[in-house]
Amino acid sequence: MDDITIRELATAVDEFVTRRDWKKYHRPKDVAMALSVEASELLELFLWKDARKDLSDDELKRIRMEVADVAIYAISLANVCKFDLGEAVLEKVALNETKYPVEDSKDRFG
């Protein structure tokens, strides 16, 4: 599959929501809450798992779908708040470059 841009994903998510006439329900608060729920569902997949064991193919498939749900709601929140998620991510990475310089951060959490 070709590389897909965040802008293309934002358009696809917006079209999905629009075709179902769900925009009236997509207020920032509600989408943020849905994002939190989906993130919790992702976290639940790791609950009580032994971190030393490899994940099974079934577990990886479930994780993949939950991560997709988290991404969809993050994109939806950016859409409803009218900002470009790709630009926001790059801005945050630049801020983190300053906040966590390589020389102070490398191998810090190993």
C-alpha atoms as a PDB file:
ATOM      1  CA  MET A   1       0.000   0.000   0.000  1.00  0.00           C
ATOM      2  CA  ASP A   2       1.225   3.494  -0.799  1.00  0.00           C
ATOM      3  CA  ASP A   3       2.084   5.873   2.014  1.00  0.00           C
ATOM      4  CA  ILE A   4      -1.039   7.569   3.310  1.00  0.00           C
ATOM      5  CA  THR A   5      -0.851  11.106   4.643  1.00  0.00           C
ATOM      6  CA  ILE A   6      -2.520  12.272   7.815  1.00  0.00           C
ATOM      7  CA  ARG A   7      -4.491  14.718   5.666  1.00  0.00           C
ATOM      8  CA  GLU A   8      -5.855  11.799   3.607  1.00  0.00           C
ATOM      9  CA  LEU A   9      -6.818   9.998   6.821  1.00  0.00           C
ATOM     10  CA  ALA A  10      -8.495  13.164   8.128  1.00  0.00           C
ATOM     11  CA  THR A  11     -10.528  13.408   4.920  1.00  0.00           C
ATOM     12  CA  ALA A  12     -11.523   9.733   5.088  1.00  0.00           C
ATOM     13  CA  VAL A  13     -12.603  10.031   8.732  1.00  0.00           C
ATOM     14  CA  ASP A  14     -14.509  13.256   8.008  1.00  0.00           C
ATOM     15  CA  GLU A  15     -16.311  11.648   5.070  1.00  0.00           C
ATOM     16  CA  PHE A  16     -17.202   8.604   7.180  1.00  0.00           C
ATOM     17  CA  VAL A  17     -18.707  10.838   9.887  1.00  0.00           C
ATOM     18  CA  THR A  18     -20.471  13.095   7.379  1.00  0.00           C
ATOM     19  CA  ARG A  19     -22.112  10.233   5.449  1.00  0.00           C
ATOM     20  CA  ARG A  20     -23.655   8.975   8.686  1.00  0.00           C
ATOM     21  CA  ASP A  21     -24.790  12.455   9.780  1.00  0.00           C
ATOM     22  CA  TRP A  22     -22.812  12.114  13.015  1.00  0.00           C
ATOM     23  CA  LYS A  23     -21.212  15.570  13.009  1.00  0.00           C
ATOM     24  CA  LYS A  24     -23.973  16.841  15.292  1.00  0.00           C
ATOM     25  CA  TYR A  25     -22.669  14.414  17.938  1.00  0.00           C
ATOM     26  CA  HIS A  26     -18.993  15.176  17.405  1.00  0.00           C
ATOM     27  CA  ARG A  27     -18.365  17.944  19.887  1.00  0.00           C
ATOM     28  CA  PRO A  28     -14.812  18.259  21.211  1.00  0.00           C
ATOM     29  CA  LYS A  29     -15.798  16.980  24.676  1.00  0.00           C
ATOM     30  CA  ASP A  30     -17.553  13.919  23.293  1.00  0.00           C
ATOM     31  CA  VAL A  31     -14.800  13.030  20.845  1.00  0.00           C
ATOM     32  CA  ALA A  32     -12.152  13.492  23.565  1.00  0.00           C
ATOM     33  CA  MET A  33     -14.129  11.172  25.839  1.00  0.00           C
ATOM     34  CA  ALA A  34     -14.434   8.594  23.045  1.00  0.00           C
ATOM     35  CA  LEU A  35     -10.672   8.864  22.476  1.00  0.00           C
ATOM     36  CA  SER A  36     -10.090   8.156  26.147  1.00  0.00           C
ATOM     37  CA  VAL A  37     -12.394   5.132  26.035  1.00  0.00           C
ATOM     38  CA  GLU A  38     -10.586   3.717  23.009  1.00  0.00           C
ATOM     39  CA  ALA A  39      -7.192   4.309  24.643  1.00  0.00           C
ATOM     40  CA  SER A  40      -8.480   2.448  27.701  1.00  0.00           C
ATOM     41  CA  GLU A  41      -9.618  -0.446  25.512  1.00  0.00           C
ATOM     42  CA  LEU A  42      -6.101  -0.596  24.078  1.00  0.00           C
ATOM     43  CA  LEU A  43      -4.591  -0.548  27.555  1.00  0.00           C
ATOM     44  CA  GLU A  44      -6.945  -3.320  28.657  1.00  0.00           C
ATOM     45  CA  LEU A  45      -5.334  -5.656  26.113  1.00  0.00           C
ATOM     46  CA  PHE A  46      -2.122  -5.444  28.153  1.00  0.00           C
ATOM     47  CA  LEU A  47      -3.742  -5.876  31.564  1.00  0.00           C
ATOM     48  CA  TRP A  48      -2.288  -8.818  33.493  1.00  0.00           C
ATOM     49  CA  LYS A  49      -0.012  -9.786  30.579  1.00  0.00           C
ATOM     50  CA  ASP A  50       3.520 -10.930  31.261  1.00  0.00           C
ATOM     51  CA  ALA A  51       5.686  -8.235  29.663  1.00  0.00           C
ATOM     52  CA  ARG A  52       8.448 -10.793  29.125  1.00  0.00           C
ATOM     53  CA  LYS A  53       6.341 -12.891  26.726  1.00  0.00           C
ATOM     54  CA  ASP A  54       5.878 -12.196  23.047  1.00  0.00           C
ATOM     55  CA  LEU A  55       2.427 -11.208  21.869  1.00  0.00           C
ATOM     56  CA  SER A  56       0.444 -13.772  19.883  1.00  0.00           C
ATOM     57  CA  ASP A  57      -0.763 -13.061  16.354  1.00  0.00           C
ATOM     58  CA  ASP A  58      -4.322 -12.733  17.706  1.00  0.00           C
ATOM     59  CA  GLU A  59      -3.196 -10.246  20.351  1.00  0.00           C
ATOM     60  CA  LEU A  60      -1.327  -8.224  17.734  1.00  0.00           C
ATOM     61  CA  LYS A  61      -4.432  -8.100  15.525  1.00  0.00           C
ATOM     62  CA  ARG A  62      -6.547  -6.853  18.429  1.00  0.00           C
ATOM     63  CA  ILE A  63      -3.900  -4.264  19.351  1.00  0.00           C
ATOM     64  CA  ARG A  64      -3.774  -3.124  15.713  1.00  0.00           C
ATOM     65  CA  MET A  65      -7.534  -2.506  15.648  1.00  0.00           C
ATOM     66  CA  GLU A  66      -7.533  -0.659  18.984  1.00  0.00           C
ATOM     67  CA  VAL A  67      -4.643   1.547  17.864  1.00  0.00           C
ATOM     68  CA  ALA A  68      -6.645   2.276  14.711  1.00  0.00           C
ATOM     69  CA  ASP A  69      -9.643   3.292  16.868  1.00  0.00           C
ATOM     70  CA  VAL A  70      -7.398   5.593  18.936  1.00  0.00           C
ATOM     71  CA  ALA A  71      -6.019   7.155  15.744  1.00  0.00           C
ATOM     72  CA  ILE A  72      -9.505   7.627  14.290  1.00  0.00           C
ATOM     73  CA  TYR A  73     -10.686   9.490  17.370  1.00  0.00           C
ATOM     74  CA  ALA A  74      -7.498  11.568  17.547  1.00  0.00           C
ATOM     75  CA  ILE A  75      -8.044  12.519  13.913  1.00  0.00           C
ATOM     76  CA  SER A  76     -11.732  13.197  14.612  1.00  0.00           C
ATOM     77  CA  LEU A  77     -10.807  15.506  17.492  1.00  0.00           C
ATOM     78  CA  ALA A  78      -8.416  17.421  15.252  1.00  0.00           C
ATOM     79  CA  ASN A  79     -11.142  17.628  12.599  1.00  0.00           C
ATOM     80  CA  VAL A  80     -13.798  18.937  14.986  1.00  0.00           C
ATOM     81  CA  CYS A  81     -11.349  21.436  16.515  1.00  0.00           C
ATOM     82  CA  LYS A  82     -10.285  22.458  12.998  1.00  0.00           C
ATOM     83  CA  PHE A  83      -6.538  21.946  13.165  1.00  0.00           C
ATOM     84  CA  ASP A  84      -4.178  19.904  11.032  1.00  0.00           C
ATOM     85  CA  LEU A  85      -3.017  16.926  13.081  1.00  0.00           C
ATOM     86  CA  GLY A  86       0.136  16.473  11.010  1.00  0.00           C
ATOM     87  CA  GLU A  87       1.187  20.056  11.700  1.00  0.00           C
ATOM     88  CA  ALA A  88       0.364  19.649  15.396  1.00  0.00           C
ATOM     89  CA  VAL A  89       2.484  16.494  15.636  1.00  0.00           C
ATOM     90  CA  LEU A  90       5.454  18.165  13.967  1.00  0.00           C
ATOM     91  CA  GLU A  91       5.067  21.186  16.269  1.00  0.00           C
ATOM     92  CA  LYS A  92       4.997  18.911  19.326  1.00  0.00           C
ATOM     93  CA  VAL A  93       8.060  16.974  18.162  1.00  0.00           C
ATOM     94  CA  ALA A  94       9.921  20.296  17.760  1.00  0.00           C
ATOM     95  CA  LEU A  95       8.893  21.330  21.285  1.00  0.00           C
ATOM     96  CA  ASN A  96      10.014  17.956  22.619  1.00  0.00           C
ATOM     97  CA  GLU A  97      13.379  18.353  20.861  1.00  0.00           C
ATOM     98  CA  THR A  98      13.951  21.398  23.067  1.00  0.00           C
ATOM     99  CA  LYS A  99      12.451  19.867  26.189  1.00  0.00           C
ATOM    100  CA  TYR A 100      14.367  16.590  25.873  1.00  0.00           C
ATOM    101  CA  PRO A 101      17.748  17.275  24.222  1.00  0.00           C
ATOM    102  CA  VAL A 102      19.515  14.147  22.990  1.00  0.00           C
ATOM    103  CA  GLU A 103      22.522  14.636  25.244  1.00  0.00           C
ATOM    104  CA  ASP A 104      20.272  14.690  28.339  1.00  0.00           C
ATOM    105  CA  SER A 105      17.810  12.045  27.212  1.00  0.00           C
ATOM    106  CA  LYS A 106      19.692   9.312  25.359  1.00  0.00           C
ATOM    107  CA  ASP A 107      19.693   5.978  27.222  1.00  0.00           C
ATOM    108  CA  ARG A 108      17.937   7.626  30.145  1.00  0.00           C
ATOM    109  CA  PHE A 109      15.101   5.109  30.364  1.00  0.00           C
ATOM    110  CA  GLY A 110      16.943   1.889  29.654  1.00  0.00           C
END
